[in-house]
Amino acid sequence: MKSETYTGLSEALQAVKTRYVQPMYLHDKKMVTAMKATRMDIGVAISCRTKRRYQEDEGWKI
């Protein structure tokens, strides 16, 4: 269970950080970034409206 959760988190972070997260957060908020990236990856899969919301609210309200 724990290893599956970690793998999913890693994949989500890897998929998202180059598109959204790296310029803003990856420098000093790595743990918060990882959690946001997981939620953001799900949001992108649902709709691009989530992407705009991420850009406006800096990822805090997804």
PDB file of N, CA and C in Angstrom:
ATOM      1  N   MET A   1       0.834  -1.196   0.000  1.00  0.00           N
ATOM      2  CA  MET A   1       0.000   0.000   0.000  1.00  0.00           C
ATOM      3  C   MET A   1       0.875   1.254   0.000  1.00  0.00           C
ATOM      4  N   LYS A   2       1.853   1.250   0.890  1.00  0.00           N
ATOM      5  CA  LYS A   2       2.699   2.433   0.998  1.00  0.00           C
ATOM      6  C   LYS A   2       3.525   2.647  -0.277  1.00  0.00           C
ATOM      7  N   SER A   3       4.073   1.563  -0.831  1.00  0.00           N
ATOM      8  CA  SER A   3       4.886   1.704  -2.035  1.00  0.00           C
ATOM      9  C   SER A   3       4.036   2.133  -3.227  1.00  0.00           C
ATOM     10  N   GLU A   4       2.787   1.658  -3.307  1.00  0.00           N
ATOM     11  CA  GLU A   4       1.912   2.067  -4.409  1.00  0.00           C
ATOM     12  C   GLU A   4       1.597   3.552  -4.330  1.00  0.00           C
ATOM     13  N   THR A   5       1.322   4.030  -3.112  1.00  0.00           N
ATOM     14  CA  THR A   5       1.038   5.452  -2.938  1.00  0.00           C
ATOM     15  C   THR A   5       2.246   6.290  -3.341  1.00  0.00           C
ATOM     16  N   TYR A   6       3.430   5.873  -2.924  1.00  0.00           N
ATOM     17  CA  TYR A   6       4.642   6.618  -3.252  1.00  0.00           C
ATOM     18  C   TYR A   6       4.886   6.642  -4.754  1.00  0.00           C
ATOM     19  N   THR A   7       4.663   5.512  -5.417  1.00  0.00           N
ATOM     20  CA  THR A   7       4.861   5.446  -6.865  1.00  0.00           C
ATOM     21  C   THR A   7       3.897   6.391  -7.578  1.00  0.00           C
ATOM     22  N   GLY A   8       2.632   6.376  -7.161  1.00  0.00           N
ATOM     23  CA  GLY A   8       1.665   7.261  -7.794  1.00  0.00           C
ATOM     24  C   GLY A   8       2.030   8.715  -7.595  1.00  0.00           C
ATOM     25  N   LEU A   9       2.488   9.062  -6.403  1.00  0.00           N
ATOM     26  CA  LEU A   9       2.897  10.433  -6.117  1.00  0.00           C
ATOM     27  C   LEU A   9       4.081  10.836  -6.987  1.00  0.00           C
ATOM     28  N   SER A  10       5.053   9.942  -7.107  1.00  0.00           N
ATOM     29  CA  SER A  10       6.229  10.238  -7.925  1.00  0.00           C
ATOM     30  C   SER A  10       5.855  10.440  -9.385  1.00  0.00           C
ATOM     31  N   GLU A  11       4.998   9.565  -9.914  1.00  0.00           N
ATOM     32  CA  GLU A  11       4.609   9.680 -11.317  1.00  0.00           C
ATOM     33  C   GLU A  11       3.829  10.966 -11.562  1.00  0.00           C
ATOM     34  N   ALA A  12       2.932  11.290 -10.631  1.00  0.00           N
ATOM     35  CA  ALA A  12       2.147  12.506 -10.793  1.00  0.00           C
ATOM     36  C   ALA A  12       3.043  13.738 -10.756  1.00  0.00           C
ATOM     37  N   LEU A  13       3.974  13.760  -9.818  1.00  0.00           N
ATOM     38  CA  LEU A  13       4.890  14.889  -9.732  1.00  0.00           C
ATOM     39  C   LEU A  13       5.740  15.010 -10.990  1.00  0.00           C
ATOM     40  N   GLN A  14       6.242  13.882 -11.475  1.00  0.00           N
ATOM     41  CA  GLN A  14       7.078  13.904 -12.670  1.00  0.00           C
ATOM     42  C   GLN A  14       6.308  14.397 -13.888  1.00  0.00           C
ATOM     43  N   ALA A  15       5.018  14.027 -13.965  1.00  0.00           N
ATOM     44  CA  ALA A  15       4.217  14.408 -15.118  1.00  0.00           C
ATOM     45  C   ALA A  15       3.865  15.892 -15.098  1.00  0.00           C
ATOM     46  N   VAL A  16       3.761  16.462 -13.907  1.00  0.00           N
ATOM     47  CA  VAL A  16       3.232  17.813 -13.796  1.00  0.00           C
ATOM     48  C   VAL A  16       4.323  18.861 -13.625  1.00  0.00           C
ATOM     49  N   LYS A  17       5.428  18.526 -12.960  1.00  0.00           N
ATOM     50  CA  LYS A  17       6.370  19.563 -12.537  1.00  0.00           C
ATOM     51  C   LYS A  17       6.979  20.317 -13.718  1.00  0.00           C
ATOM     52  N   THR A  18       7.173  19.652 -14.859  1.00  0.00           N
ATOM     53  CA  THR A  18       7.767  20.352 -15.989  1.00  0.00           C
ATOM     54  C   THR A  18       6.783  21.327 -16.629  1.00  0.00           C
ATOM     55  N   ARG A  19       5.474  21.060 -16.482  1.00  0.00           N
ATOM     56  CA  ARG A  19       4.478  21.923 -17.119  1.00  0.00           C
ATOM     57  C   ARG A  19       4.072  23.097 -16.236  1.00  0.00           C
ATOM     58  N   TYR A  20       3.853  22.833 -14.944  1.00  0.00           N
ATOM     59  CA  TYR A  20       3.284  23.868 -14.092  1.00  0.00           C
ATOM     60  C   TYR A  20       4.136  24.219 -12.882  1.00  0.00           C
ATOM     61  N   VAL A  21       4.685  23.208 -12.238  1.00  0.00           N
ATOM     62  CA  VAL A  21       5.148  23.401 -10.870  1.00  0.00           C
ATOM     63  C   VAL A  21       6.554  23.978 -10.803  1.00  0.00           C
ATOM     64  N   GLN A  22       7.443  23.524 -11.662  1.00  0.00           N
ATOM     65  CA  GLN A  22       8.860  23.828 -11.508  1.00  0.00           C
ATOM     66  C   GLN A  22       9.174  25.322 -11.403  1.00  0.00           C
ATOM     67  N   PRO A  23       8.622  26.197 -12.260  1.00  0.00           N
ATOM     68  CA  PRO A  23       8.974  27.615 -12.149  1.00  0.00           C
ATOM     69  C   PRO A  23       8.550  28.243 -10.828  1.00  0.00           C
ATOM     70  N   MET A  24       7.446  27.757 -10.235  1.00  0.00           N
ATOM     71  CA  MET A  24       6.914  28.418  -9.056  1.00  0.00           C
ATOM     72  C   MET A  24       7.390  27.802  -7.751  1.00  0.00           C
ATOM     73  N   TYR A  25       7.333  26.465  -7.657  1.00  0.00           N
ATOM     74  CA  TYR A  25       7.409  25.834  -6.347  1.00  0.00           C
ATOM     75  C   TYR A  25       8.609  24.924  -6.113  1.00  0.00           C
ATOM     76  N   LEU A  26       9.183  24.366  -7.164  1.00  0.00           N
ATOM     77  CA  LEU A  26      10.106  23.253  -6.963  1.00  0.00           C
ATOM     78  C   LEU A  26      11.378  23.685  -6.237  1.00  0.00           C
ATOM     79  N   HIS A  27      11.648  24.978  -6.177  1.00  0.00           N
ATOM     80  CA  HIS A  27      12.916  25.427  -5.625  1.00  0.00           C
ATOM     81  C   HIS A  27      12.991  25.228  -4.116  1.00  0.00           C
ATOM     82  N   ASP A  28      11.950  25.588  -3.371  1.00  0.00           N
ATOM     83  CA  ASP A  28      12.054  25.448  -1.920  1.00  0.00           C
ATOM     84  C   ASP A  28      10.829  24.864  -1.237  1.00  0.00           C
ATOM     85  N   LYS A  29       9.829  24.423  -1.995  1.00  0.00           N
ATOM     86  CA  LYS A  29       8.641  23.846  -1.374  1.00  0.00           C
ATOM     87  C   LYS A  29       8.370  22.454  -1.945  1.00  0.00           C
ATOM     88  N   LYS A  30       9.369  21.593  -1.889  1.00  0.00           N
ATOM     89  CA  LYS A  30       9.264  20.321  -2.601  1.00  0.00           C
ATOM     90  C   LYS A  30       8.125  19.452  -2.076  1.00  0.00           C
ATOM     91  N   MET A  31       7.956  19.395  -0.755  1.00  0.00           N
ATOM     92  CA  MET A  31       6.935  18.491  -0.227  1.00  0.00           C
ATOM     93  C   MET A  31       5.540  19.006  -0.551  1.00  0.00           C
ATOM     94  N   VAL A  32       5.313  20.303  -0.365  1.00  0.00           N
ATOM     95  CA  VAL A  32       4.024  20.896  -0.718  1.00  0.00           C
ATOM     96  C   VAL A  32       3.776  20.747  -2.212  1.00  0.00           C
ATOM     97  N   THR A  33       4.835  20.915  -2.998  1.00  0.00           N
ATOM     98  CA  THR A  33       4.732  20.765  -4.447  1.00  0.00           C
ATOM     99  C   THR A  33       4.274  19.370  -4.824  1.00  0.00           C
ATOM    100  N   ALA A  34       4.836  18.355  -4.172  1.00  0.00           N
ATOM    101  CA  ALA A  34       4.475  16.981  -4.503  1.00  0.00           C
ATOM    102  C   ALA A  34       2.991  16.735  -4.245  1.00  0.00           C
ATOM    103  N   MET A  35       2.493  17.241  -3.129  1.00  0.00           N
ATOM    104  CA  MET A  35       1.086  17.054  -2.815  1.00  0.00           C
ATOM    105  C   MET A  35       0.203  17.788  -3.807  1.00  0.00           C
ATOM    106  N   LYS A  36       0.567  19.032  -4.139  1.00  0.00           N
ATOM    107  CA  LYS A  36      -0.200  19.792  -5.126  1.00  0.00           C
ATOM    108  C   LYS A  36      -0.155  19.129  -6.488  1.00  0.00           C
ATOM    109  N   ALA A  37       1.007  18.602  -6.844  1.00  0.00           N
ATOM    110  CA  ALA A  37       1.149  18.001  -8.168  1.00  0.00           C
ATOM    111  C   ALA A  37       0.241  16.791  -8.324  1.00  0.00           C
ATOM    112  N   THR A  38       0.104  16.013  -7.259  1.00  0.00           N
ATOM    113  CA  THR A  38      -0.786  14.858  -7.332  1.00  0.00           C
ATOM    114  C   THR A  38      -2.210  15.308  -7.615  1.00  0.00           C
ATOM    115  N   ARG A  39      -2.662  16.340  -6.902  1.00  0.00           N
ATOM    116  CA  ARG A  39      -4.015  16.843  -7.097  1.00  0.00           C
ATOM    117  C   ARG A  39      -4.147  17.501  -8.467  1.00  0.00           C
ATOM    118  N   MET A  40      -3.098  18.191  -8.909  1.00  0.00           N
ATOM    119  CA  MET A  40      -3.151  18.871 -10.190  1.00  0.00           C
ATOM    120  C   MET A  40      -3.233  17.868 -11.338  1.00  0.00           C
ATOM    121  N   ASP A  41      -2.516  16.759 -11.217  1.00  0.00           N
ATOM    122  CA  ASP A  41      -2.536  15.754 -12.278  1.00  0.00           C
ATOM    123  C   ASP A  41      -3.950  15.226 -12.482  1.00  0.00           C
ATOM    124  N   ILE A  42      -4.663  14.987 -11.384  1.00  0.00           N
ATOM    125  CA  ILE A  42      -6.058  14.547 -11.475  1.00  0.00           C
ATOM    126  C   ILE A  42      -6.903  15.652 -12.107  1.00  0.00           C
ATOM    127  N   GLY A  43      -6.661  16.890 -11.706  1.00  0.00           N
ATOM    128  CA  GLY A  43      -7.435  18.010 -12.225  1.00  0.00           C
ATOM    129  C   GLY A  43      -7.263  18.183 -13.723  1.00  0.00           C
ATOM    130  N   VAL A  44      -6.043  18.038 -14.209  1.00  0.00           N
ATOM    131  CA  VAL A  44      -5.792  18.169 -15.646  1.00  0.00           C
ATOM    132  C   VAL A  44      -6.517  17.080 -16.416  1.00  0.00           C
ATOM    133  N   ALA A  45      -6.550  15.886 -15.833  1.00  0.00           N
ATOM    134  CA  ALA A  45      -7.234  14.791 -16.509  1.00  0.00           C
ATOM    135  C   ALA A  45      -8.738  15.050 -16.617  1.00  0.00           C
ATOM    136  N   ILE A  46      -9.291  15.773 -15.637  1.00  0.00           N
ATOM    137  CA  ILE A  46     -10.727  16.039 -15.658  1.00  0.00           C
ATOM    138  C   ILE A  46     -11.055  17.126 -16.690  1.00  0.00           C
ATOM    139  N   SER A  47     -10.408  18.295 -16.572  1.00  0.00           N
ATOM    140  CA  SER A  47     -10.711  19.369 -17.513  1.00  0.00           C
ATOM    141  C   SER A  47      -9.619  20.428 -17.504  1.00  0.00           C
ATOM    142  N   CYS A  48      -9.551  21.203 -18.581  1.00  0.00           N
ATOM    143  CA  CYS A  48      -8.560  22.269 -18.661  1.00  0.00           C
ATOM    144  C   CYS A  48      -8.981  23.470 -17.815  1.00  0.00           C
ATOM    145  N   ARG A  49     -10.233  23.504 -17.385  1.00  0.00           N
ATOM    146  CA  ARG A  49     -10.676  24.569 -16.495  1.00  0.00           C
ATOM    147  C   ARG A  49      -9.888  24.537 -15.187  1.00  0.00           C
ATOM    148  N   THR A  50      -9.543  23.332 -14.726  1.00  0.00           N
ATOM    149  CA  THR A  50      -8.734  23.195 -13.523  1.00  0.00           C
ATOM    150  C   THR A  50      -7.371  23.857 -13.726  1.00  0.00           C
ATOM    151  N   LYS A  51      -6.837  23.765 -14.941  1.00  0.00           N
ATOM    152  CA  LYS A  51      -5.546  24.374 -15.234  1.00  0.00           C
ATOM    153  C   LYS A  51      -5.601  25.881 -15.046  1.00  0.00           C
ATOM    154  N   ARG A  52      -6.658  26.509 -15.544  1.00  0.00           N
ATOM    155  CA  ARG A  52      -6.784  27.953 -15.344  1.00  0.00           C
ATOM    156  C   ARG A  52      -6.923  28.290 -13.870  1.00  0.00           C
ATOM    157  N   ARG A  53      -7.709  27.489 -13.153  1.00  0.00           N
ATOM    158  CA  ARG A  53      -7.876  27.737 -11.728  1.00  0.00           C
ATOM    159  C   ARG A  53      -6.539  27.612 -11.009  1.00  0.00           C
ATOM    160  N   TYR A  54      -5.704  26.648 -11.429  1.00  0.00           N
ATOM    161  CA  TYR A  54      -4.376  26.479 -10.834  1.00  0.00           C
ATOM    162  C   TYR A  54      -3.532  27.728 -11.062  1.00  0.00           C
ATOM    163  N   GLN A  55      -3.564  28.255 -12.264  1.00  0.00           N
ATOM    164  CA  GLN A  55      -2.756  29.422 -12.572  1.00  0.00           C
ATOM    165  C   GLN A  55      -3.236  30.648 -11.798  1.00  0.00           C
ATOM    166  N   GLU A  56      -4.546  30.770 -11.597  1.00  0.00           N
ATOM    167  CA  GLU A  56      -5.068  31.932 -10.890  1.00  0.00           C
ATOM    168  C   GLU A  56      -4.792  31.859  -9.397  1.00  0.00           C
ATOM    169  N   ASP A  57      -5.012  30.680  -8.796  1.00  0.00           N
ATOM    170  CA  ASP A  57      -4.909  30.538  -7.344  1.00  0.00           C
ATOM    171  C   ASP A  57      -3.591  29.930  -6.902  1.00  0.00           C
ATOM    172  N   GLU A  58      -2.660  29.732  -7.824  1.00  0.00           N
ATOM    173  CA  GLU A  58      -1.358  29.156  -7.521  1.00  0.00           C
ATOM    174  C   GLU A  58      -1.474  27.782  -6.879  1.00  0.00           C
ATOM    175  N   GLY A  59      -2.490  27.025  -7.279  1.00  0.00           N
ATOM    176  CA  GLY A  59      -2.565  25.637  -6.888  1.00  0.00           C
ATOM    177  C   GLY A  59      -3.172  25.364  -5.524  1.00  0.00           C
ATOM    178  N   TRP A  60      -3.622  26.393  -4.831  1.00  0.00           N
ATOM    179  CA  TRP A  60      -4.126  26.171  -3.472  1.00  0.00           C
ATOM    180  C   TRP A  60      -5.562  25.681  -3.469  1.00  0.00           C
ATOM    181  N   LYS A  61      -6.363  25.996  -4.508  1.00  0.00           N
ATOM    182  CA  LYS A  61      -7.775  25.636  -4.509  1.00  0.00           C
ATOM    183  C   LYS A  61      -8.080  24.792  -5.733  1.00  0.00           C
ATOM    184  N   ILE A  62      -7.958  23.473  -5.561  1.00  0.00           N
ATOM    185  CA  ILE A  62      -8.224  22.578  -6.687  1.00  0.00           C
ATOM    186  C   ILE A  62      -9.374  21.662  -6.304  1.00  0.00           C
TER     187      ILE A  62
END
